[in-house]
Amino acid sequence: MKNEKWTTADIPDLTGKVIIVTGGNSGLGYESVKAFAQNGAEVIMACRSVEKGEVARAEIMKNKPNGKIKIMPLDLMDLSSVRNFTDKFKENYNRLDVLLNNAGIMIPPYGLTKDGFESQIGTNHLGHFALTGLLKDLIVKTPKSRVVSTSSIAHKSGKMGFNNFMFANGNGYTPMKAYGRSKLANLLFIYELQRRFEANNINSIAVAAHPGVSQTNLMRFIEGKFYYRLLKPLSSFFLQSAAMGALPQLRAAVDPNVQGGDYYGPNGFNEMKGSPVKVKSIPASYNTEDAKQLWKLSEKLTDINYNF
C-alpha cells in the first residue's frame, strides 16, 4: 500500500456521471473539477462567486475535456443559498454520482455565518451537512453513488466540546481549535453517514480524504505571519501542489476499490505529502456517541432531517 503511485491516469471513464464539487473554482476543488471533466463527467462547479467560477471553467476548457462543466452559485455560509442550490440542481438532474464536499475555510478570525454559526464549523461542517441532507434522496436513488468529504491532518487536534460547540461570543475561540473541531466533525459525519447507509441497505458509500499540506488559498490567513515567512524557504520539503493534494479526494471519489468509511491521504512522512493511500484517523473520529450527538445537533441547527 505504501508504495502505490495512484495518479489521475488511474481515473476510470466517467462518461454519464454527474458530480458536484463544492469550492470548485480554486485549489483542490479546481484540480478535482479538472480531473473529473477530463475523464468525461458532467461536473457542477459549486462556488460562491460565479465570476471566479467562469474564469476557472474557461481555464479548464482550454484543454478540451471530454466532459462538461456547469457553474452554480453556492454559499455554504448561508443555508438559504444551500436550499436554492439544491432546488435548482434537482430541477435539472435526476441523479448524483459523487458529491465532493471539498470547500472550506481555514483559521480565520472569529466570525459568524449568515445563520449565526461560528464560521468554520458553519462552513466546513454544517453547510455540507445541510447540502448532503437536501441531496440525500438523489444520492440514494443513484446506484453506487458516493459522498466524499475533505478533512485535514488538523482533525488530530480537534475536540468536539458540545457544551460550547460554537465558541459563543468568541468564548474559548482560537482559529486552530475551531478548525480542528470542524475537520474532526467532517470525519464523525462521514463515518456516521456510512453506518446509516449500511443500516438501511443503501447502495451508496461515504468516504473521507485529506490533502496533506498543500499550497492552496486556504493559506491566506497565515501567509503574513512571521513564522510562515521564516519557514517559506523550506516549504518544498513539507508542502505539495494543489494537484497532488487533490489526489486523495479524487481517489476516494472514483477508485472502484474504495469502500465505505475509508479515509485517504498522502503516503509520505506524517501524511504531509505523497501519493494517495488509505490512512487512519484518530480514535475520537470513530466515537459513535459523539457522532450521534453531532448528527442530532446538526439536524437541529440546520433544520434538515435525513429521516434515517
Protein backbone atom coordinates (compact mmCIF):
# COMPACT_ATOMS: atom_id res chain seq x y z
CA MET A 1 0.00 0.00 0.00
CA LYS A 2 2.71 2.49 0.92
CA ASN A 3 4.41 2.04 -2.45
CA GLU A 4 1.31 2.69 -4.55
CA LYS A 5 1.51 5.52 -7.04
CA TRP A 6 -2.14 6.22 -7.84
CA THR A 7 -2.45 9.21 -10.21
CA THR A 8 -5.07 10.88 -12.38
CA ALA A 9 -4.12 8.33 -15.06
CA ASP A 10 -5.93 5.75 -12.91
CA ILE A 11 -9.26 7.59 -13.06
CA PRO A 12 -11.80 5.42 -14.93
CA ASP A 13 -14.08 6.67 -17.70
CA LEU A 14 -16.68 8.89 -16.04
CA THR A 15 -18.97 9.41 -19.03
CA GLY A 16 -22.58 9.73 -17.88
CA LYS A 17 -21.61 10.52 -14.28
CA VAL A 18 -22.86 13.67 -12.55
CA ILE A 19 -20.52 15.13 -9.92
CA ILE A 20 -20.85 18.15 -7.64
CA VAL A 21 -17.65 19.77 -6.31
CA THR A 22 -18.09 22.48 -3.67
CA GLY A 23 -15.45 25.20 -3.82
CA GLY A 24 -14.67 24.05 -7.34
CA ASN A 25 -13.12 27.25 -8.67
CA SER A 26 -9.79 27.12 -6.80
CA GLY A 27 -7.25 24.89 -5.08
CA LEU A 28 -8.17 21.25 -4.51
CA GLY A 29 -11.65 21.79 -5.89
CA TYR A 30 -10.36 23.24 -9.15
CA GLU A 31 -7.96 20.32 -9.62
CA SER A 32 -10.78 17.88 -8.89
CA VAL A 33 -13.17 19.52 -11.37
CA LYS A 34 -10.43 19.45 -14.00
CA ALA A 35 -9.72 15.74 -13.47
CA PHE A 36 -13.40 14.72 -13.43
CA ALA A 37 -14.21 16.70 -16.58
CA GLN A 38 -11.11 15.40 -18.37
CA ASN A 39 -12.47 11.89 -17.89
CA GLY A 40 -15.95 12.56 -19.23
CA ALA A 41 -18.07 13.53 -16.21
CA GLU A 42 -20.61 16.33 -16.11
CA VAL A 43 -19.29 18.44 -13.24
CA ILE A 44 -21.17 21.07 -11.30
CA MET A 45 -18.69 23.64 -10.02
CA ALA A 46 -20.45 24.94 -6.91
CA CYS A 47 -18.86 28.20 -5.78
CA ARG A 48 -19.67 31.46 -4.01
CA SER A 49 -18.53 33.62 -6.91
CA VAL A 50 -19.97 32.79 -10.33
CA GLU A 51 -17.46 35.22 -11.87
CA LYS A 52 -14.50 33.34 -10.40
CA GLY A 53 -16.15 30.10 -11.49
CA GLU A 54 -16.35 31.34 -15.09
CA VAL A 55 -12.64 32.19 -15.07
CA ALA A 56 -11.76 28.75 -13.68
CA ARG A 57 -14.05 26.98 -16.14
CA ALA A 58 -12.52 28.85 -19.11
CA GLU A 59 -9.05 27.80 -17.97
CA ILE A 60 -10.03 24.11 -17.75
CA MET A 61 -11.86 24.20 -21.09
CA LYS A 62 -8.62 25.18 -22.83
CA ASN A 63 -7.60 21.52 -22.50
CA LYS A 64 -10.80 20.45 -24.29
CA PRO A 65 -12.02 17.98 -21.64
CA ASN A 66 -14.35 15.15 -22.59
CA GLY A 67 -16.96 16.18 -20.04
CA LYS A 68 -19.00 19.29 -19.27
CA ILE A 69 -18.64 21.89 -16.53
CA LYS A 70 -21.63 23.81 -15.22
CA ILE A 71 -21.28 26.64 -12.69
CA MET A 72 -23.87 27.05 -9.95
CA PRO A 73 -23.75 29.57 -7.06
CA LEU A 74 -23.44 28.09 -3.57
CA ASP A 75 -22.56 29.88 -0.35
CA LEU A 76 -22.10 27.36 2.46
CA MET A 77 -22.21 30.21 4.99
CA ASP A 78 -25.87 30.81 4.12
CA LEU A 79 -28.41 27.97 4.46
CA SER A 80 -30.87 29.76 2.15
CA SER A 81 -28.17 29.61 -0.56
CA VAL A 82 -27.75 25.88 0.12
CA ARG A 83 -31.50 25.36 -0.31
CA ASN A 84 -31.59 27.43 -3.52
CA PHE A 85 -28.69 25.43 -4.91
CA THR A 86 -30.30 22.05 -4.19
CA ASP A 87 -33.69 23.17 -5.54
CA LYS A 88 -32.12 24.27 -8.84
CA PHE A 89 -29.95 21.15 -9.04
CA LYS A 90 -33.00 18.88 -8.63
CA GLU A 91 -34.82 20.78 -11.37
CA ASN A 92 -32.07 19.88 -13.83
CA TYR A 93 -30.72 16.49 -12.70
CA ASN A 94 -32.24 13.17 -11.70
CA ARG A 95 -29.01 11.57 -10.48
CA LEU A 96 -25.91 12.40 -8.43
CA ASP A 97 -22.97 10.01 -8.64
CA VAL A 98 -20.49 11.91 -6.47
CA LEU A 99 -20.96 14.74 -4.00
CA LEU A 100 -17.49 16.06 -3.18
CA ASN A 101 -17.75 18.24 -0.07
CA ASN A 102 -14.45 19.98 -0.70
CA ALA A 103 -15.00 23.67 0.13
CA GLY A 104 -13.74 25.06 3.40
CA ILE A 105 -12.23 27.96 5.29
CA MET A 106 -9.15 27.69 7.49
CA ILE A 107 -8.14 29.59 10.65
CA PRO A 108 -9.89 32.94 10.08
CA PRO A 109 -10.52 35.35 12.96
CA TYR A 110 -13.70 34.64 14.96
CA GLY A 111 -16.81 35.33 12.90
CA LEU A 112 -20.34 34.10 12.20
CA THR A 113 -22.17 32.77 9.17
CA LYS A 114 -25.43 34.34 8.00
CA ASP A 115 -27.30 31.86 10.21
CA GLY A 116 -25.26 32.74 13.29
CA PHE A 117 -22.94 29.72 13.30
CA GLU A 118 -19.22 30.04 14.13
CA SER A 119 -17.78 30.45 10.66
CA GLN A 120 -15.53 27.38 10.45
CA ILE A 121 -17.97 24.80 11.84
CA GLY A 122 -20.70 26.58 9.88
CA THR A 123 -18.89 26.37 6.55
CA ASN A 124 -16.84 23.21 6.86
CA HIS A 125 -19.42 21.03 8.59
CA LEU A 126 -22.94 22.45 8.91
CA GLY A 127 -23.13 23.85 5.36
CA HIS A 128 -22.08 20.49 3.94
CA PHE A 129 -24.33 18.59 6.36
CA ALA A 130 -27.27 20.61 5.03
CA LEU A 131 -26.20 20.20 1.41
CA THR A 132 -25.83 16.43 1.72
CA GLY A 133 -29.15 16.11 3.54
CA LEU A 134 -31.05 18.09 0.91
CA LEU A 135 -29.48 15.97 -1.85
CA LYS A 136 -29.87 12.68 0.04
CA ASP A 137 -32.84 11.42 -1.99
CA LEU A 138 -30.96 11.83 -5.28
CA ILE A 139 -27.80 10.27 -3.80
CA VAL A 140 -29.74 7.26 -2.52
CA LYS A 141 -31.54 6.89 -5.86
CA THR A 142 -28.25 6.76 -7.81
CA PRO A 143 -26.66 3.28 -7.65
CA LYS A 144 -23.09 3.17 -6.27
CA SER A 145 -23.10 6.91 -5.54
CA ARG A 146 -20.56 8.45 -3.16
CA VAL A 147 -20.39 11.25 -0.64
CA VAL A 148 -16.79 12.36 -0.13
CA SER A 149 -15.75 14.92 2.48
CA THR A 150 -12.39 16.66 2.64
CA SER A 151 -10.97 16.59 6.17
CA SER A 152 -7.44 17.55 7.30
CA ILE A 153 -4.42 16.44 9.31
CA ALA A 154 -5.68 19.14 11.71
CA HIS A 155 -8.52 16.82 12.78
CA LYS A 156 -5.91 15.20 15.05
CA SER A 157 -6.02 18.25 17.33
CA GLY A 158 -9.80 18.50 17.18
CA LYS A 159 -12.09 18.13 20.21
CA MET A 160 -15.86 18.30 19.93
CA GLY A 161 -16.76 20.25 23.11
CA PHE A 162 -20.56 20.12 22.80
CA ASN A 163 -21.02 22.42 25.83
CA ASN A 164 -19.53 25.31 23.85
CA PHE A 165 -19.85 23.87 20.35
CA MET A 166 -19.64 27.19 18.50
CA PHE A 167 -17.44 29.25 20.86
CA ALA A 168 -20.35 31.55 21.71
CA ASN A 169 -19.34 35.22 21.54
CA GLY A 170 -15.78 34.08 20.82
CA ASN A 171 -15.53 32.39 24.25
CA GLY A 172 -12.56 29.96 24.11
CA TYR A 173 -12.10 30.55 20.39
CA THR A 174 -8.77 30.13 18.71
CA PRO A 175 -8.64 29.79 14.92
CA MET A 176 -6.82 26.44 15.07
CA LYS A 177 -9.04 24.98 17.81
CA ALA A 178 -12.16 25.76 15.77
CA TYR A 179 -10.59 24.48 12.56
CA GLY A 180 -9.55 21.20 14.20
CA ARG A 181 -13.08 20.76 15.55
CA SER A 182 -14.63 21.35 12.12
CA LYS A 183 -12.30 18.83 10.49
CA LEU A 184 -12.99 16.21 13.19
CA ALA A 185 -16.70 16.89 12.60
CA ASN A 186 -16.19 16.08 8.89
CA LEU A 187 -14.96 12.60 9.83
CA LEU A 188 -17.60 11.95 12.50
CA PHE A 189 -20.21 12.90 9.89
CA ILE A 190 -18.84 10.66 7.13
CA TYR A 191 -18.44 7.61 9.38
CA GLU A 192 -21.96 8.06 10.79
CA LEU A 193 -23.39 8.56 7.28
CA GLN A 194 -21.73 5.31 6.22
CA ARG A 195 -23.24 3.49 9.22
CA ARG A 196 -26.68 4.80 8.25
CA PHE A 197 -26.22 3.78 4.62
CA GLU A 198 -25.36 0.26 5.77
CA ALA A 199 -28.18 0.04 8.32
CA ASN A 200 -30.69 0.97 5.62
CA ASN A 201 -29.18 -1.26 2.88
CA ILE A 202 -28.47 1.77 0.69
CA ASN A 203 -26.23 1.20 -2.32
CA SER A 204 -24.13 4.33 -1.66
CA ILE A 205 -20.92 4.92 0.29
CA ALA A 206 -19.49 7.73 2.41
CA VAL A 207 -15.73 8.30 2.25
CA ALA A 208 -13.25 10.89 3.56
CA ALA A 209 -9.90 12.22 2.38
CA HIS A 210 -7.30 14.81 3.32
CA PRO A 211 -4.76 16.64 1.14
CA GLY A 212 -1.74 16.61 3.44
CA VAL A 213 -0.12 20.04 3.45
CA SER A 214 -0.99 21.62 0.12
CA GLN A 215 -0.42 25.06 -1.35
CA THR A 216 -3.94 26.50 -1.74
CA ASN A 217 -5.63 29.81 -1.00
CA LEU A 218 -6.62 28.42 2.43
CA MET A 219 -3.13 29.54 3.45
CA ARG A 220 -4.13 33.21 3.14
CA PHE A 221 -4.68 33.70 6.88
CA ILE A 222 -1.15 32.58 7.79
CA GLU A 223 0.92 33.91 4.89
CA GLY A 224 1.51 37.21 6.69
CA LYS A 225 2.64 35.57 9.94
CA PHE A 226 6.34 35.79 10.83
CA TYR A 227 6.71 32.01 11.25
CA TYR A 228 5.33 31.41 7.75
CA ARG A 229 7.88 33.84 6.28
CA LEU A 230 10.66 32.09 8.21
CA LEU A 231 9.59 28.64 7.04
CA LYS A 232 8.74 29.56 3.45
CA PRO A 233 12.24 28.75 2.09
CA LEU A 234 11.79 25.22 3.46
CA SER A 235 8.22 24.86 2.18
CA SER A 236 9.14 22.49 -0.65
CA PHE A 237 10.06 19.89 1.95
CA PHE A 238 6.60 19.78 3.53
CA LEU A 239 4.27 21.46 1.02
CA GLN A 240 2.87 19.84 -2.09
CA SER A 241 0.96 21.27 -5.04
CA ALA A 242 -2.82 21.52 -5.10
CA ALA A 243 -2.78 18.94 -7.92
CA MET A 244 -1.04 16.42 -5.65
CA GLY A 245 -3.19 17.42 -2.69
CA ALA A 246 -6.35 16.68 -4.68
CA LEU A 247 -5.35 13.07 -5.41
CA PRO A 248 -6.67 11.56 -2.13
CA GLN A 249 -10.15 13.01 -2.66
CA LEU A 250 -10.10 12.07 -6.34
CA ARG A 251 -9.20 8.51 -5.43
CA ALA A 252 -11.91 8.44 -2.75
CA ALA A 253 -14.41 9.64 -5.35
CA VAL A 254 -13.68 7.28 -8.25
CA ASP A 255 -11.41 4.32 -7.40
CA PRO A 256 -13.60 1.18 -7.73
CA ASN A 257 -11.71 -0.46 -4.84
CA VAL A 258 -12.71 2.21 -2.30
CA GLN A 259 -15.07 1.04 0.43
CA GLY A 260 -17.49 2.97 2.60
CA GLY A 261 -15.86 4.50 5.66
CA ASP A 262 -12.40 4.58 4.06
CA TYR A 263 -10.12 7.57 4.64
CA TYR A 264 -7.45 8.57 2.10
CA GLY A 265 -4.38 10.77 2.47
CA PRO A 266 -0.76 11.11 1.25
CA ASN A 267 1.68 8.27 1.95
CA GLY A 268 4.69 10.43 2.89
CA PHE A 269 6.14 11.46 6.26
CA ASN A 270 3.32 12.32 8.69
CA GLU A 271 0.92 12.16 5.71
CA MET A 272 2.09 15.64 4.68
CA LYS A 273 2.71 14.86 1.02
CA GLY A 274 2.90 11.94 -1.38
CA SER A 275 0.71 9.51 -3.30
CA PRO A 276 -2.85 8.84 -2.06
CA VAL A 277 -3.33 5.73 0.09
CA LYS A 278 -5.77 4.55 2.73
CA VAL A 279 -4.87 6.11 6.09
CA LYS A 280 -6.27 6.07 9.63
CA SER A 281 -7.90 8.92 11.52
CA ILE A 282 -7.67 9.36 15.30
CA PRO A 283 -9.79 7.20 17.65
CA ALA A 284 -12.02 10.18 18.55
CA SER A 285 -13.30 10.24 14.94
CA TYR A 286 -14.77 6.75 15.44
CA ASN A 287 -16.64 7.69 18.65
CA THR A 288 -20.20 6.64 17.80
CA GLU A 289 -21.75 8.55 20.71
CA ASP A 290 -20.10 11.79 19.59
CA ALA A 291 -21.18 11.06 16.01
CA LYS A 292 -24.81 10.59 17.05
CA GLN A 293 -24.75 13.72 19.21
CA LEU A 294 -23.19 15.74 16.38
CA TRP A 295 -25.78 14.40 13.93
CA LYS A 296 -28.71 15.26 16.20
CA LEU A 297 -27.31 18.74 16.89
CA SER A 298 -26.62 19.34 13.18
CA GLU A 299 -30.19 18.40 12.23
CA LYS A 300 -31.49 20.80 14.87
CA LEU A 301 -29.23 23.70 13.87
CA THR A 302 -29.83 23.35 10.13
CA ASP A 303 -33.49 22.28 10.43
CA ILE A 304 -32.78 19.47 7.98
CA ASN A 305 -33.73 15.90 8.86
CA TYR A 306 -32.21 13.00 6.97
CA ASN A 307 -35.05 10.64 8.01
CA PHE A 308 -32.86 7.63 8.64
